[in-house]
Every structure is written in structure tokens, then in C-alpha cells.
Amino acid sequence: MGLLSLLRSLKQNDREARILVLGLDNAGKTTILRALSEEDINHIIPTQGFNIKSLVHEGFKLNVWDIGGQETIRPYWRNYFDHTDGLVFVIDSADRNRLQEAGQELQSLLEDDKLAGTPALVFANKQDLLQALPADEISDALNLHLIRDRQWCIMASSARTGEGLQEGMEWLVQTIQK
């Protein structure tokens, strides 16, 4: 089931949602976006700027912005925060060496006034890899339990297999609609 199927299941309304997909480079942001859009995920190159996917079904429009995660691009993330309804932060669960860096970037996002109260979905991506940390260990390492100013969810996922993608996006869309 793709993102269009998820949108079909939503109640009909005229709402539009803007979703930001952020995370360190090579976390799998673009692969997740393409998998949700039911596109080919076999030939993906690093995002140097941003990718946008807009899906419309029965009056509900979901605008998903996938922004590059290279260190030189991260200072520009703030330019995309206005009018954001949901934040998706993607973590490479198999990259233990960069977990602290990812946590610092996520913390910085959560502290930004423009994203105050914005629901946050954390995809613990690449769960199909043997060395991947489980989502609960990532949650503990990032102290997600301390987040009190917004609704949040961590979802074990794999952009390659599709694991957790629909469930995570369903949580985010339903949270935004409330």
C-alpha cells in the first residue's frame, strides 16, 4: 500500500499538509519518499538541494519536502520551516558513529521556534541491515522520552523493504488532522 492508498483512507476535507523530511546525508530520506510514492528506489543519488512530492486525493493534499542532509546544506534547513505541519526525521540505524550527530541535529530542530509544537516522526531507517540498532535503543540514545512540547513517534523502518513506512506516515497524518 502506497501513500496514495493512505490518502484514500483519510476523511474527505480541504486540508493541505506540509511535511519536512530531514536527517543526515545517507540516512535514506529520498529512498523513503520514493518508496512512499511507489517509485523506483534502485537508482538514487545524494540530494544536493531538495525534492518535492505533492499528492492529492479527495481534497487532501500532502506536500512532502525532502531536503539534503549534507553538513553544508543543514544551515539552510531553517528556510523551509515556515508553515510546516509535520516533521519526519530519518536516522540511519546502522550508522552508530553518527548517531550522536543525528541526535544533535534533531534536538536543534525541536528547539526551533518555527517548528514549535509540530508533530515529529522519527524513522529508525535501515532496519533490514544486520548492524542496525533497534528503534527503542535509538529512542533511548536520543532521549526522545524527554520531548514534552509535541507529539512524537519513533518507527522502525526500512525504505528498501517498506517496513514501517505506511504505519509511520499514517501516524503523522492522523496526528496532523487532530
N, C-alpha and C. Protein backbone atom coordinates (compact mmCIF):
# COMPACT_ATOMS: atom_id res chain seq x y z
N MET A 1 0.85 -1.18 0.00
CA MET A 1 0.00 0.00 0.00
C MET A 1 0.89 1.23 0.00
N GLY A 2 0.66 2.13 -0.94
CA GLY A 2 1.45 3.34 -1.06
C GLY A 2 0.80 4.52 -0.38
N LEU A 3 1.43 5.65 -0.53
CA LEU A 3 0.94 6.86 0.10
C LEU A 3 -0.41 7.27 -0.46
N LEU A 4 -0.65 7.01 -1.74
CA LEU A 4 -1.96 7.32 -2.31
C LEU A 4 -3.06 6.52 -1.63
N SER A 5 -2.78 5.27 -1.30
CA SER A 5 -3.76 4.45 -0.59
C SER A 5 -4.05 5.04 0.79
N LEU A 6 -3.01 5.52 1.45
CA LEU A 6 -3.19 6.16 2.75
C LEU A 6 -4.09 7.38 2.61
N LEU A 7 -3.84 8.20 1.60
CA LEU A 7 -4.66 9.39 1.41
C LEU A 7 -6.10 9.03 1.09
N ARG A 8 -6.31 7.92 0.37
CA ARG A 8 -7.68 7.49 0.07
C ARG A 8 -8.45 7.15 1.34
N SER A 9 -7.73 6.66 2.34
CA SER A 9 -8.39 6.24 3.57
C SER A 9 -8.75 7.41 4.49
N LEU A 10 -8.22 8.59 4.21
CA LEU A 10 -8.49 9.74 5.06
C LEU A 10 -9.88 10.30 4.78
N LYS A 11 -10.44 10.94 5.79
CA LYS A 11 -11.73 11.60 5.61
C LYS A 11 -11.58 12.72 4.60
N GLN A 12 -12.60 12.91 3.81
CA GLN A 12 -12.55 13.96 2.80
C GLN A 12 -12.60 15.33 3.47
N ASN A 13 -11.65 16.14 3.14
CA ASN A 13 -11.64 17.53 3.60
C ASN A 13 -10.74 18.34 2.67
N ASP A 14 -10.66 19.64 2.91
CA ASP A 14 -9.88 20.50 2.04
C ASP A 14 -8.51 20.80 2.63
N ARG A 15 -8.07 20.02 3.58
CA ARG A 15 -6.83 20.31 4.27
C ARG A 15 -5.61 20.00 3.40
N GLU A 16 -4.60 20.79 3.62
CA GLU A 16 -3.32 20.62 2.96
C GLU A 16 -2.27 20.50 4.05
N ALA A 17 -1.36 19.57 3.91
CA ALA A 17 -0.32 19.39 4.91
C ALA A 17 1.05 19.52 4.27
N ARG A 18 1.92 20.22 4.96
CA ARG A 18 3.31 20.38 4.52
C ARG A 18 4.19 19.56 5.46
N ILE A 19 4.92 18.62 4.89
CA ILE A 19 5.76 17.72 5.65
C ILE A 19 7.22 17.96 5.26
N LEU A 20 8.09 18.14 6.25
CA LEU A 20 9.52 18.24 6.00
C LEU A 20 10.17 16.90 6.34
N VAL A 21 11.01 16.41 5.44
CA VAL A 21 11.77 15.18 5.67
C VAL A 21 13.23 15.58 5.78
N LEU A 22 13.78 15.45 6.99
CA LEU A 22 15.14 15.87 7.27
C LEU A 22 15.92 14.72 7.91
N GLY A 23 17.22 14.88 7.95
CA GLY A 23 18.11 13.90 8.56
C GLY A 23 19.48 14.03 7.93
N LEU A 24 20.45 13.36 8.50
CA LEU A 24 21.81 13.41 7.96
C LEU A 24 21.84 12.81 6.56
N ASP A 25 22.88 13.17 5.81
CA ASP A 25 23.08 12.58 4.49
C ASP A 25 23.21 11.06 4.62
N ASN A 26 22.70 10.36 3.64
CA ASN A 26 22.75 8.91 3.55
C ASN A 26 21.86 8.19 4.58
N ALA A 27 20.92 8.90 5.16
CA ALA A 27 20.01 8.26 6.12
C ALA A 27 18.89 7.51 5.41
N GLY A 28 18.59 7.90 4.16
CA GLY A 28 17.54 7.23 3.41
C GLY A 28 16.30 8.07 3.17
N LYS A 29 16.42 9.38 3.29
CA LYS A 29 15.27 10.28 3.13
C LYS A 29 14.64 10.17 1.75
N THR A 30 15.45 10.28 0.72
CA THR A 30 14.93 10.23 -0.65
C THR A 30 14.38 8.85 -0.97
N THR A 31 15.03 7.82 -0.48
CA THR A 31 14.55 6.46 -0.72
C THR A 31 13.18 6.27 -0.07
N ILE A 32 13.00 6.79 1.13
CA ILE A 32 11.71 6.71 1.80
C ILE A 32 10.65 7.45 0.99
N LEU A 33 10.96 8.65 0.54
CA LEU A 33 10.00 9.43 -0.23
C LEU A 33 9.61 8.70 -1.51
N ARG A 34 10.59 8.15 -2.18
CA ARG A 34 10.28 7.42 -3.42
C ARG A 34 9.49 6.15 -3.13
N ALA A 35 9.83 5.46 -2.07
CA ALA A 35 9.07 4.24 -1.72
C ALA A 35 7.62 4.59 -1.40
N LEU A 36 7.40 5.67 -0.67
CA LEU A 36 6.04 6.10 -0.35
C LEU A 36 5.27 6.51 -1.60
N SER A 37 5.98 7.01 -2.60
CA SER A 37 5.36 7.42 -3.85
C SER A 37 5.29 6.28 -4.86
N GLU A 38 5.69 5.10 -4.43
CA GLU A 38 5.69 3.90 -5.27
C GLU A 38 6.52 4.09 -6.53
N GLU A 39 7.68 4.74 -6.36
CA GLU A 39 8.62 4.95 -7.45
C GLU A 39 9.82 4.00 -7.28
N ASP A 40 10.63 3.92 -8.34
CA ASP A 40 11.82 3.08 -8.33
C ASP A 40 12.81 3.60 -7.28
N ILE A 41 13.32 2.71 -6.44
CA ILE A 41 14.29 3.11 -5.41
C ILE A 41 15.68 2.56 -5.68
N ASN A 42 15.90 2.03 -6.86
CA ASN A 42 17.18 1.38 -7.16
C ASN A 42 18.28 2.33 -7.61
N HIS A 43 17.93 3.50 -8.08
CA HIS A 43 18.95 4.42 -8.60
C HIS A 43 18.77 5.80 -7.97
N ILE A 44 19.27 5.95 -6.76
CA ILE A 44 19.11 7.21 -6.04
C ILE A 44 20.49 7.82 -5.83
N ILE A 45 20.57 9.10 -6.10
CA ILE A 45 21.82 9.83 -5.88
C ILE A 45 21.61 10.79 -4.72
N PRO A 46 22.68 11.20 -4.05
CA PRO A 46 22.53 12.12 -2.92
C PRO A 46 21.82 13.41 -3.33
N THR A 47 20.93 13.86 -2.47
CA THR A 47 20.16 15.08 -2.74
C THR A 47 21.02 16.29 -2.42
N GLN A 48 21.28 17.11 -3.42
CA GLN A 48 22.10 18.31 -3.24
C GLN A 48 21.26 19.53 -2.85
N GLY A 49 20.00 19.48 -3.09
CA GLY A 49 19.09 20.57 -2.74
C GLY A 49 17.88 20.00 -2.05
N PHE A 50 16.79 19.84 -2.81
CA PHE A 50 15.59 19.26 -2.22
C PHE A 50 14.77 18.57 -3.30
N ASN A 51 13.91 17.68 -2.86
CA ASN A 51 12.92 17.02 -3.71
C ASN A 51 11.56 17.32 -3.12
N ILE A 52 10.57 17.52 -3.97
CA ILE A 52 9.21 17.77 -3.51
C ILE A 52 8.28 16.78 -4.19
N LYS A 53 7.40 16.20 -3.40
CA LYS A 53 6.34 15.34 -3.93
C LYS A 53 5.04 15.88 -3.39
N SER A 54 4.08 16.10 -4.27
CA SER A 54 2.75 16.52 -3.87
C SER A 54 1.76 15.47 -4.34
N LEU A 55 0.95 15.03 -3.42
CA LEU A 55 -0.08 14.06 -3.75
C LEU A 55 -1.42 14.62 -3.34
N VAL A 56 -2.41 14.45 -4.20
CA VAL A 56 -3.76 14.94 -3.92
C VAL A 56 -4.73 13.79 -4.11
N HIS A 57 -5.62 13.65 -3.14
CA HIS A 57 -6.67 12.66 -3.28
C HIS A 57 -7.87 13.10 -2.47
N GLU A 58 -9.01 13.19 -3.12
CA GLU A 58 -10.27 13.55 -2.47
C GLU A 58 -10.14 14.79 -1.59
N GLY A 59 -9.45 15.80 -2.11
CA GLY A 59 -9.38 17.07 -1.41
C GLY A 59 -8.25 17.18 -0.39
N PHE A 60 -7.49 16.15 -0.17
CA PHE A 60 -6.38 16.21 0.78
C PHE A 60 -5.08 16.27 0.01
N LYS A 61 -4.30 17.30 0.26
CA LYS A 61 -3.03 17.48 -0.43
C LYS A 61 -1.89 17.34 0.57
N LEU A 62 -0.95 16.48 0.26
CA LEU A 62 0.22 16.26 1.10
C LEU A 62 1.44 16.70 0.31
N ASN A 63 2.08 17.78 0.78
CA ASN A 63 3.31 18.30 0.16
C ASN A 63 4.49 17.83 1.00
N VAL A 64 5.32 16.99 0.42
CA VAL A 64 6.45 16.41 1.16
C VAL A 64 7.74 16.99 0.60
N TRP A 65 8.50 17.63 1.47
CA TRP A 65 9.78 18.25 1.11
C TRP A 65 10.91 17.41 1.70
N ASP A 66 11.72 16.83 0.83
CA ASP A 66 12.90 16.05 1.21
C ASP A 66 14.10 16.95 0.95
N ILE A 67 14.79 17.33 2.01
CA ILE A 67 15.89 18.28 1.89
C ILE A 67 17.21 17.57 2.20
N GLY A 68 18.22 17.85 1.38
CA GLY A 68 19.54 17.21 1.54
C GLY A 68 20.08 17.35 2.96
N GLY A 69 20.86 16.36 3.38
CA GLY A 69 21.36 16.34 4.75
C GLY A 69 22.86 16.51 4.90
N GLN A 70 23.54 16.90 3.82
CA GLN A 70 24.97 17.13 3.94
C GLN A 70 25.22 18.29 4.91
N GLU A 71 26.33 18.24 5.58
CA GLU A 71 26.63 19.25 6.60
C GLU A 71 26.57 20.67 6.04
N THR A 72 26.98 20.85 4.79
CA THR A 72 26.97 22.19 4.20
C THR A 72 25.56 22.68 3.89
N ILE A 73 24.60 21.76 3.76
CA ILE A 73 23.22 22.13 3.44
C ILE A 73 22.40 22.38 4.71
N ARG A 74 22.73 21.72 5.79
CA ARG A 74 21.92 21.81 7.02
C ARG A 74 21.62 23.22 7.52
N PRO A 75 22.54 24.19 7.41
CA PRO A 75 22.19 25.55 7.86
C PRO A 75 21.02 26.15 7.08
N TYR A 76 20.74 25.64 5.90
CA TYR A 76 19.64 26.16 5.09
C TYR A 76 18.30 25.50 5.40
N TRP A 77 18.29 24.48 6.22
CA TRP A 77 17.04 23.82 6.59
C TRP A 77 16.02 24.82 7.10
N ARG A 78 16.48 25.79 7.90
CA ARG A 78 15.57 26.78 8.50
C ARG A 78 14.70 27.50 7.48
N ASN A 79 15.22 27.63 6.26
CA ASN A 79 14.48 28.33 5.21
C ASN A 79 13.19 27.61 4.83
N TYR A 80 13.04 26.37 5.23
CA TYR A 80 11.89 25.55 4.85
C TYR A 80 10.92 25.32 6.01
N PHE A 81 11.16 25.90 7.17
CA PHE A 81 10.36 25.62 8.37
C PHE A 81 8.98 26.26 8.37
N ASP A 82 8.82 27.39 7.69
CA ASP A 82 7.53 28.10 7.73
C ASP A 82 6.39 27.20 7.28
N HIS A 83 5.29 27.25 8.01
CA HIS A 83 4.05 26.56 7.66
C HIS A 83 4.20 25.03 7.62
N THR A 84 5.13 24.49 8.39
CA THR A 84 5.32 23.05 8.43
C THR A 84 4.29 22.43 9.36
N ASP A 85 3.59 21.40 8.87
CA ASP A 85 2.58 20.70 9.66
C ASP A 85 3.12 19.44 10.32
N GLY A 86 4.19 18.88 9.76
CA GLY A 86 4.76 17.65 10.31
C GLY A 86 6.22 17.53 9.95
N LEU A 87 6.99 16.99 10.88
CA LEU A 87 8.42 16.78 10.68
C LEU A 87 8.71 15.29 10.66
N VAL A 88 9.42 14.84 9.64
CA VAL A 88 9.92 13.47 9.58
C VAL A 88 11.43 13.57 9.66
N PHE A 89 12.01 12.94 10.68
CA PHE A 89 13.46 12.93 10.82
C PHE A 89 13.92 11.50 10.61
N VAL A 90 14.83 11.30 9.67
CA VAL A 90 15.27 9.96 9.29
C VAL A 90 16.67 9.72 9.85
N ILE A 91 16.82 8.59 10.52
CA ILE A 91 18.10 8.19 11.11
C ILE A 91 18.55 6.89 10.49
N ASP A 92 19.82 6.82 10.14
CA ASP A 92 20.43 5.59 9.65
C ASP A 92 20.73 4.73 10.89
N SER A 93 19.91 3.74 11.13
CA SER A 93 20.03 2.90 12.33
C SER A 93 21.31 2.08 12.35
N ALA A 94 21.94 1.92 11.21
CA ALA A 94 23.15 1.11 11.13
C ALA A 94 24.42 1.95 11.29
N ASP A 95 24.29 3.26 11.33
CA ASP A 95 25.46 4.15 11.42
C ASP A 95 25.62 4.64 12.86
N ARG A 96 26.18 3.77 13.69
CA ARG A 96 26.35 4.09 15.11
C ARG A 96 27.30 5.27 15.32
N ASN A 97 28.25 5.46 14.42
CA ASN A 97 29.23 6.54 14.56
C ASN A 97 28.60 7.92 14.43
N ARG A 98 27.46 8.00 13.77
CA ARG A 98 26.84 9.31 13.53
C ARG A 98 25.54 9.50 14.32
N LEU A 99 25.25 8.57 15.21
CA LEU A 99 24.01 8.66 15.98
C LEU A 99 23.99 9.93 16.84
N GLN A 100 25.10 10.24 17.47
CA GLN A 100 25.16 11.45 18.30
C GLN A 100 24.96 12.70 17.45
N GLU A 101 25.58 12.74 16.28
CA GLU A 101 25.42 13.88 15.37
C GLU A 101 23.97 14.02 14.93
N ALA A 102 23.34 12.90 14.61
CA ALA A 102 21.93 12.93 14.22
C ALA A 102 21.07 13.44 15.38
N GLY A 103 21.38 13.00 16.58
CA GLY A 103 20.65 13.45 17.76
C GLY A 103 20.79 14.94 18.00
N GLN A 104 21.97 15.47 17.76
CA GLN A 104 22.19 16.90 17.92
C GLN A 104 21.38 17.70 16.90
N GLU A 105 21.35 17.21 15.67
CA GLU A 105 20.58 17.90 14.63
C GLU A 105 19.09 17.86 14.95
N LEU A 106 18.62 16.70 15.40
CA LEU A 106 17.20 16.58 15.76
C LEU A 106 16.87 17.52 16.91
N GLN A 107 17.72 17.56 17.93
CA GLN A 107 17.49 18.44 19.07
C GLN A 107 17.43 19.90 18.63
N SER A 108 18.31 20.28 17.73
CA SER A 108 18.31 21.65 17.21
C SER A 108 16.99 21.97 16.50
N LEU A 109 16.49 21.01 15.72
CA LEU A 109 15.21 21.20 15.04
C LEU A 109 14.08 21.38 16.04
N LEU A 110 14.06 20.54 17.06
CA LEU A 110 12.98 20.57 18.04
C LEU A 110 13.00 21.84 18.88
N GLU A 111 14.15 22.49 18.98
CA GLU A 111 14.27 23.72 19.75
C GLU A 111 13.91 24.96 18.94
N ASP A 112 13.77 24.82 17.63
CA ASP A 112 13.49 25.98 16.77
C ASP A 112 12.05 26.44 16.95
N ASP A 113 11.86 27.72 17.16
CA ASP A 113 10.54 28.29 17.38
C ASP A 113 9.59 28.07 16.20
N LYS A 114 10.11 28.06 14.98
CA LYS A 114 9.26 27.88 13.80
C LYS A 114 8.65 26.48 13.73
N LEU A 115 9.25 25.53 14.44
CA LEU A 115 8.74 24.16 14.46
C LEU A 115 8.08 23.81 15.78
N ALA A 116 7.85 24.80 16.62
CA ALA A 116 7.26 24.58 17.94
C ALA A 116 5.92 23.85 17.81
N GLY A 117 5.77 22.78 18.53
CA GLY A 117 4.53 22.02 18.56
C GLY A 117 4.30 21.13 17.36
N THR A 118 5.16 21.19 16.36
CA THR A 118 5.00 20.37 15.16
C THR A 118 5.21 18.90 15.49
N PRO A 119 4.26 18.03 15.15
CA PRO A 119 4.44 16.60 15.41
C PRO A 119 5.70 16.09 14.72
N ALA A 120 6.41 15.19 15.39
CA ALA A 120 7.67 14.67 14.85
C ALA A 120 7.62 13.15 14.75
N LEU A 121 7.89 12.66 13.58
CA LEU A 121 8.02 11.23 13.32
C LEU A 121 9.50 10.96 13.06
N VAL A 122 10.07 10.04 13.83
CA VAL A 122 11.46 9.65 13.63
C VAL A 122 11.45 8.26 13.02
N PHE A 123 11.98 8.16 11.82
CA PHE A 123 12.14 6.86 11.19
C PHE A 123 13.52 6.32 11.55
N ALA A 124 13.54 5.20 12.27
CA ALA A 124 14.79 4.48 12.55
C ALA A 124 15.00 3.57 11.34
N ASN A 125 15.59 4.14 10.29
CA ASN A 125 15.66 3.52 8.98
C ASN A 125 16.79 2.48 8.89
N LYS A 126 16.72 1.69 7.85
CA LYS A 126 17.70 0.66 7.51
C LYS A 126 17.67 -0.51 8.49
N GLN A 127 16.49 -0.81 9.01
CA GLN A 127 16.33 -1.93 9.93
C GLN A 127 16.58 -3.27 9.24
N ASP A 128 16.65 -3.28 7.92
CA ASP A 128 16.95 -4.51 7.18
C ASP A 128 18.42 -4.90 7.26
N LEU A 129 19.27 -4.02 7.79
CA LEU A 129 20.69 -4.31 7.92
C LEU A 129 20.98 -4.96 9.26
N LEU A 130 21.88 -5.94 9.25
CA LEU A 130 22.18 -6.70 10.47
C LEU A 130 22.70 -5.83 11.61
N GLN A 131 23.49 -4.81 11.30
CA GLN A 131 24.10 -3.99 12.34
C GLN A 131 23.19 -2.86 12.84
N ALA A 132 21.95 -2.82 12.37
CA ALA A 132 21.03 -1.74 12.75
C ALA A 132 20.65 -1.83 14.22
N LEU A 133 20.66 -0.68 14.88
CA LEU A 133 20.17 -0.60 16.25
C LEU A 133 18.65 -0.62 16.24
N PRO A 134 18.03 -1.30 17.18
CA PRO A 134 16.57 -1.29 17.26
C PRO A 134 16.06 0.13 17.59
N ALA A 135 14.84 0.40 17.19
CA ALA A 135 14.26 1.73 17.39
C ALA A 135 14.24 2.14 18.86
N ASP A 136 13.97 1.20 19.77
CA ASP A 136 13.92 1.57 21.19
C ASP A 136 15.29 2.00 21.71
N GLU A 137 16.37 1.40 21.21
CA GLU A 137 17.72 1.80 21.62
C GLU A 137 18.05 3.19 21.07
N ILE A 138 17.61 3.47 19.86
CA ILE A 138 17.83 4.79 19.27
C ILE A 138 17.04 5.83 20.07
N SER A 139 15.81 5.51 20.40
CA SER A 139 14.98 6.40 21.20
C SER A 139 15.65 6.73 22.53
N ASP A 140 16.20 5.70 23.19
CA ASP A 140 16.90 5.91 24.45
C ASP A 140 18.15 6.77 24.26
N ALA A 141 18.93 6.46 23.23
CA ALA A 141 20.17 7.20 22.98
C ALA A 141 19.90 8.67 22.69
N LEU A 142 18.77 8.96 22.06
CA LEU A 142 18.42 10.34 21.71
C LEU A 142 17.56 11.02 22.77
N ASN A 143 17.25 10.30 23.83
CA ASN A 143 16.41 10.84 24.92
C ASN A 143 15.08 11.38 24.41
N LEU A 144 14.48 10.65 23.49
CA LEU A 144 13.20 11.10 22.93
C LEU A 144 12.11 11.18 24.00
N HIS A 145 12.24 10.36 25.05
CA HIS A 145 11.24 10.37 26.12
C HIS A 145 11.16 11.73 26.83
N LEU A 146 12.17 12.58 26.63
CA LEU A 146 12.16 13.90 27.26
C LEU A 146 11.36 14.94 26.46
N ILE A 147 10.93 14.58 25.26
CA ILE A 147 10.16 15.52 24.43
C ILE A 147 8.76 15.66 25.04
N ARG A 148 8.44 16.88 25.43
CA ARG A 148 7.16 17.14 26.09
C ARG A 148 6.31 18.19 25.37
N ASP A 149 6.89 18.87 24.38
CA ASP A 149 6.20 20.00 23.76
C ASP A 149 5.51 19.66 22.44
N ARG A 150 5.42 18.39 22.11
CA ARG A 150 4.81 17.98 20.84
C ARG A 150 4.55 16.48 20.89
N GLN A 151 3.71 16.03 19.99
CA GLN A 151 3.53 14.59 19.84
C GLN A 151 4.66 14.06 18.97
N TRP A 152 5.15 12.89 19.32
CA TRP A 152 6.24 12.30 18.55
C TRP A 152 6.08 10.78 18.52
N CYS A 153 6.74 10.19 17.55
CA CYS A 153 6.71 8.74 17.40
C CYS A 153 8.02 8.30 16.76
N ILE A 154 8.57 7.20 17.22
CA ILE A 154 9.71 6.60 16.53
C ILE A 154 9.22 5.31 15.91
N MET A 155 9.60 5.10 14.66
CA MET A 155 9.13 3.93 13.92
C MET A 155 10.31 3.22 13.29
N ALA A 156 10.46 1.94 13.62
CA ALA A 156 11.46 1.12 12.94
C ALA A 156 11.05 1.03 11.47
N SER A 157 12.00 1.23 10.58
CA SER A 157 11.65 1.25 9.17
C SER A 157 12.78 0.75 8.29
N SER A 158 12.40 0.43 7.08
CA SER A 158 13.35 0.11 6.02
C SER A 158 12.78 0.62 4.72
N ALA A 159 13.45 1.59 4.14
CA ALA A 159 12.99 2.13 2.86
C ALA A 159 13.08 1.06 1.77
N ARG A 160 14.02 0.15 1.90
CA ARG A 160 14.20 -0.91 0.90
C ARG A 160 13.06 -1.92 0.92
N THR A 161 12.63 -2.32 2.12
CA THR A 161 11.57 -3.34 2.22
C THR A 161 10.19 -2.73 2.40
N GLY A 162 10.14 -1.45 2.78
CA GLY A 162 8.86 -0.79 3.04
C GLY A 162 8.41 -0.91 4.49
N GLU A 163 9.13 -1.66 5.29
CA GLU A 163 8.76 -1.85 6.70
C GLU A 163 8.58 -0.52 7.42
N GLY A 164 7.45 -0.35 8.07
CA GLY A 164 7.20 0.79 8.93
C GLY A 164 6.85 2.10 8.25
N LEU A 165 7.01 2.19 6.95
CA LEU A 165 6.78 3.47 6.27
C LEU A 165 5.32 3.89 6.31
N GLN A 166 4.43 2.99 5.92
CA GLN A 166 3.00 3.31 5.93
C GLN A 166 2.52 3.62 7.34
N GLU A 167 2.92 2.78 8.29
CA GLU A 167 2.48 2.97 9.67
C GLU A 167 2.94 4.32 10.21
N GLY A 168 4.18 4.68 9.91
CA GLY A 168 4.69 5.96 10.38
C GLY A 168 3.95 7.13 9.76
N MET A 169 3.74 7.08 8.47
CA MET A 169 3.04 8.17 7.79
C MET A 169 1.58 8.24 8.22
N GLU A 170 0.95 7.10 8.45
CA GLU A 170 -0.41 7.10 8.96
C GLU A 170 -0.47 7.81 10.30
N TRP A 171 0.48 7.51 11.19
CA TRP A 171 0.53 8.17 12.50
C TRP A 171 0.65 9.69 12.30
N LEU A 172 1.56 10.10 11.41
CA LEU A 172 1.81 11.52 11.22
C LEU A 172 0.58 12.25 10.66
N VAL A 173 -0.01 11.68 9.63
CA VAL A 173 -1.18 12.31 9.00
C VAL A 173 -2.34 12.38 10.00
N GLN A 174 -2.58 11.31 10.73
CA GLN A 174 -3.67 11.31 11.71
C GLN A 174 -3.41 12.31 12.81
N THR A 175 -2.15 12.44 13.23
CA THR A 175 -1.80 13.41 14.27
C THR A 175 -2.00 14.83 13.77
N ILE A 176 -1.64 15.09 12.53
CA ILE A 176 -1.83 16.42 11.95
C ILE A 176 -3.32 16.75 11.84
N GLN A 177 -4.13 15.77 11.50
CA GLN A 177 -5.57 16.02 11.32
C GLN A 177 -6.29 16.32 12.62
N LYS A 178 -5.74 15.92 13.74
CA LYS A 178 -6.42 16.13 15.03
C LYS A 178 -6.45 17.58 15.42
